[in-house]
Amino acid sequence: MAGYVSLFQFTDQGVRNIKDTVKRAAAATVEAEKMGIKITEVLWTMGAYDLVVLLDAPDDETVSAFSLKIGSLGNSKTHTMRAFRREEMKKLLAKIK
């Protein structure tokens, strides 16, 4: 499975319903599992982003579909990045000649 980091920003709707954020994260975790995604960590943060979510997904298409589904609920906007673990990075660097 590929690793991803998703950065979330609450929309106005998400801020209005902030008291439900923990429940929404739990529901998103269940939804992710239905799609074959494993959320390994959810962190509420201060600064430019309100949440950082670490997840593993089978491919880019699956994590993109998940991000679109979560975004369509209207509580947050996401910025998702592919993340490479140490061993994956070593393999990538080995290809540089």
C-alpha atoms as a PDB file:
ATOM      1  CA  MET A   1       0.000   0.000   0.000  1.00  0.00           C
ATOM      2  CA  ALA A   2       1.138   3.509  -0.779  1.00  0.00           C
ATOM      3  CA  GLY A   3       1.439   6.154   1.941  1.00  0.00           C
ATOM      4  CA  TYR A   4      -0.273   9.553   1.763  1.00  0.00           C
ATOM      5  CA  VAL A   5      -0.481  12.710   3.839  1.00  0.00           C
ATOM      6  CA  SER A   6      -3.717  14.698   3.657  1.00  0.00           C
ATOM      7  CA  LEU A   7      -3.856  18.263   4.907  1.00  0.00           C
ATOM      8  CA  PHE A   8      -7.349  19.469   5.773  1.00  0.00           C
ATOM      9  CA  GLN A   9      -8.740  22.977   6.136  1.00  0.00           C
ATOM     10  CA  PHE A  10     -12.176  23.447   7.641  1.00  0.00           C
ATOM     11  CA  THR A  11     -14.717  25.278   5.520  1.00  0.00           C
ATOM     12  CA  ASP A  12     -17.122  27.749   7.119  1.00  0.00           C
ATOM     13  CA  GLN A  13     -19.563  24.845   7.495  1.00  0.00           C
ATOM     14  CA  GLY A  14     -16.879  22.737   9.169  1.00  0.00           C
ATOM     15  CA  VAL A  15     -16.117  25.492  11.655  1.00  0.00           C
ATOM     16  CA  ARG A  16     -19.819  26.020  12.423  1.00  0.00           C
ATOM     17  CA  ASN A  17     -20.046  22.291  13.203  1.00  0.00           C
ATOM     18  CA  ILE A  18     -16.678  22.049  14.971  1.00  0.00           C
ATOM     19  CA  LYS A  19     -18.107  20.143  17.936  1.00  0.00           C
ATOM     20  CA  ASP A  20     -18.664  17.195  15.563  1.00  0.00           C
ATOM     21  CA  THR A  21     -15.087  17.053  14.259  1.00  0.00           C
ATOM     22  CA  VAL A  22     -14.107  13.955  16.256  1.00  0.00           C
ATOM     23  CA  LYS A  23     -17.289  12.161  15.150  1.00  0.00           C
ATOM     24  CA  ARG A  24     -16.644  13.190  11.530  1.00  0.00           C
ATOM     25  CA  ALA A  25     -13.100  11.821  11.719  1.00  0.00           C
ATOM     26  CA  ALA A  26     -14.408   8.501  13.061  1.00  0.00           C
ATOM     27  CA  ALA A  27     -17.017   8.322  10.288  1.00  0.00           C
ATOM     28  CA  ALA A  28     -14.354   9.136   7.676  1.00  0.00           C
ATOM     29  CA  THR A  29     -12.176   6.336   9.046  1.00  0.00           C
ATOM     30  CA  VAL A  30     -15.035   3.849   8.628  1.00  0.00           C
ATOM     31  CA  GLU A  31     -15.701   5.126   5.099  1.00  0.00           C
ATOM     32  CA  ALA A  32     -12.000   4.861   4.237  1.00  0.00           C
ATOM     33  CA  GLU A  33     -11.928   1.228   5.368  1.00  0.00           C
ATOM     34  CA  LYS A  34     -14.880   0.455   3.053  1.00  0.00           C
ATOM     35  CA  MET A  35     -12.745   1.781   0.180  1.00  0.00           C
ATOM     36  CA  GLY A  36      -9.676  -0.247   1.139  1.00  0.00           C
ATOM     37  CA  ILE A  37      -7.872   2.662   2.800  1.00  0.00           C
ATOM     38  CA  LYS A  38      -6.306   2.542   6.252  1.00  0.00           C
ATOM     39  CA  ILE A  39      -6.142   5.799   8.195  1.00  0.00           C
ATOM     40  CA  THR A  40      -3.156   5.420  10.497  1.00  0.00           C
ATOM     41  CA  GLU A  41      -3.261   8.797  12.262  1.00  0.00           C
ATOM     42  CA  VAL A  42      -5.541  11.828  12.566  1.00  0.00           C
ATOM     43  CA  LEU A  43      -3.980  14.921  14.110  1.00  0.00           C
ATOM     44  CA  TRP A  44      -5.755  18.210  14.828  1.00  0.00           C
ATOM     45  CA  THR A  45      -3.267  21.008  14.245  1.00  0.00           C
ATOM     46  CA  MET A  46      -2.740  24.745  14.676  1.00  0.00           C
ATOM     47  CA  GLY A  47      -1.669  26.912  11.777  1.00  0.00           C
ATOM     48  CA  ALA A  48      -2.527  26.862   8.081  1.00  0.00           C
ATOM     49  CA  TYR A  49      -4.130  23.404   8.273  1.00  0.00           C
ATOM     50  CA  ASP A  50      -6.674  22.143  10.779  1.00  0.00           C
ATOM     51  CA  LEU A  51      -6.011  18.405  10.405  1.00  0.00           C
ATOM     52  CA  VAL A  52      -3.186  16.202   9.209  1.00  0.00           C
ATOM     53  CA  VAL A  53      -4.246  12.682   8.256  1.00  0.00           C
ATOM     54  CA  LEU A  54      -1.784   9.864   7.523  1.00  0.00           C
ATOM     55  CA  LEU A  55      -3.205   7.051   5.455  1.00  0.00           C
ATOM     56  CA  ASP A  56      -2.332   4.038   3.354  1.00  0.00           C
ATOM     57  CA  ALA A  57      -4.218   3.348   0.130  1.00  0.00           C
ATOM     58  CA  PRO A  58      -3.886   0.820  -2.657  1.00  0.00           C
ATOM     59  CA  ASP A  59      -3.391   3.499  -5.350  1.00  0.00           C
ATOM     60  CA  ASP A  60      -3.753   7.172  -6.285  1.00  0.00           C
ATOM     61  CA  GLU A  61      -7.209   6.657  -7.766  1.00  0.00           C
ATOM     62  CA  THR A  62      -8.611   5.220  -4.540  1.00  0.00           C
ATOM     63  CA  VAL A  63      -7.235   7.981  -2.335  1.00  0.00           C
ATOM     64  CA  SER A  64      -8.469  10.577  -4.845  1.00  0.00           C
ATOM     65  CA  ALA A  65     -11.983   9.104  -4.768  1.00  0.00           C
ATOM     66  CA  PHE A  66     -11.898   9.160  -0.961  1.00  0.00           C
ATOM     67  CA  SER A  67     -10.751  12.799  -0.913  1.00  0.00           C
ATOM     68  CA  LEU A  68     -13.527  13.773  -3.323  1.00  0.00           C
ATOM     69  CA  LYS A  69     -16.119  11.945  -1.239  1.00  0.00           C
ATOM     70  CA  ILE A  70     -14.996  13.639   1.983  1.00  0.00           C
ATOM     71  CA  GLY A  71     -14.806  17.032   0.261  1.00  0.00           C
ATOM     72  CA  SER A  72     -18.318  16.656  -1.120  1.00  0.00           C
ATOM     73  CA  LEU A  73     -19.678  16.668   2.446  1.00  0.00           C
ATOM     74  CA  GLY A  74     -18.737  20.361   2.665  1.00  0.00           C
ATOM     75  CA  ASN A  75     -16.894  20.435   6.000  1.00  0.00           C
ATOM     76  CA  SER A  76     -13.329  20.576   4.699  1.00  0.00           C
ATOM     77  CA  LYS A  77     -11.011  21.015   1.755  1.00  0.00           C
ATOM     78  CA  THR A  78      -8.102  18.622   1.323  1.00  0.00           C
ATOM     79  CA  HIS A  79      -4.591  18.704  -0.089  1.00  0.00           C
ATOM     80  CA  THR A  80      -3.264  15.168  -0.459  1.00  0.00           C
ATOM     81  CA  MET A  81       0.334  14.221  -1.161  1.00  0.00           C
ATOM     82  CA  ARG A  82       1.963  10.875  -1.909  1.00  0.00           C
ATOM     83  CA  ALA A  83       4.448  10.119   0.857  1.00  0.00           C
ATOM     84  CA  PHE A  84       7.440   7.794   0.507  1.00  0.00           C
ATOM     85  CA  ARG A  85       8.741   5.805   3.447  1.00  0.00           C
ATOM     86  CA  ARG A  86      12.471   5.372   4.007  1.00  0.00           C
ATOM     87  CA  GLU A  87      12.728   2.034   2.157  1.00  0.00           C
ATOM     88  CA  GLU A  88      10.715   3.364  -0.779  1.00  0.00           C
ATOM     89  CA  MET A  89      12.983   6.396  -0.974  1.00  0.00           C
ATOM     90  CA  LYS A  90      16.075   4.191  -0.964  1.00  0.00           C
ATOM     91  CA  LYS A  91      14.666   2.291  -3.969  1.00  0.00           C
ATOM     92  CA  LEU A  92      13.937   5.540  -5.772  1.00  0.00           C
ATOM     93  CA  LEU A  93      17.433   6.858  -5.122  1.00  0.00           C
ATOM     94  CA  ALA A  94      18.944   3.608  -6.377  1.00  0.00           C
ATOM     95  CA  LYS A  95      17.465   4.402  -9.813  1.00  0.00           C
ATOM     96  CA  ILE A  96      19.494   7.595 -10.090  1.00  0.00           C
ATOM     97  CA  LYS A  97      22.611   6.948 -12.140  1.00  0.00           C
END
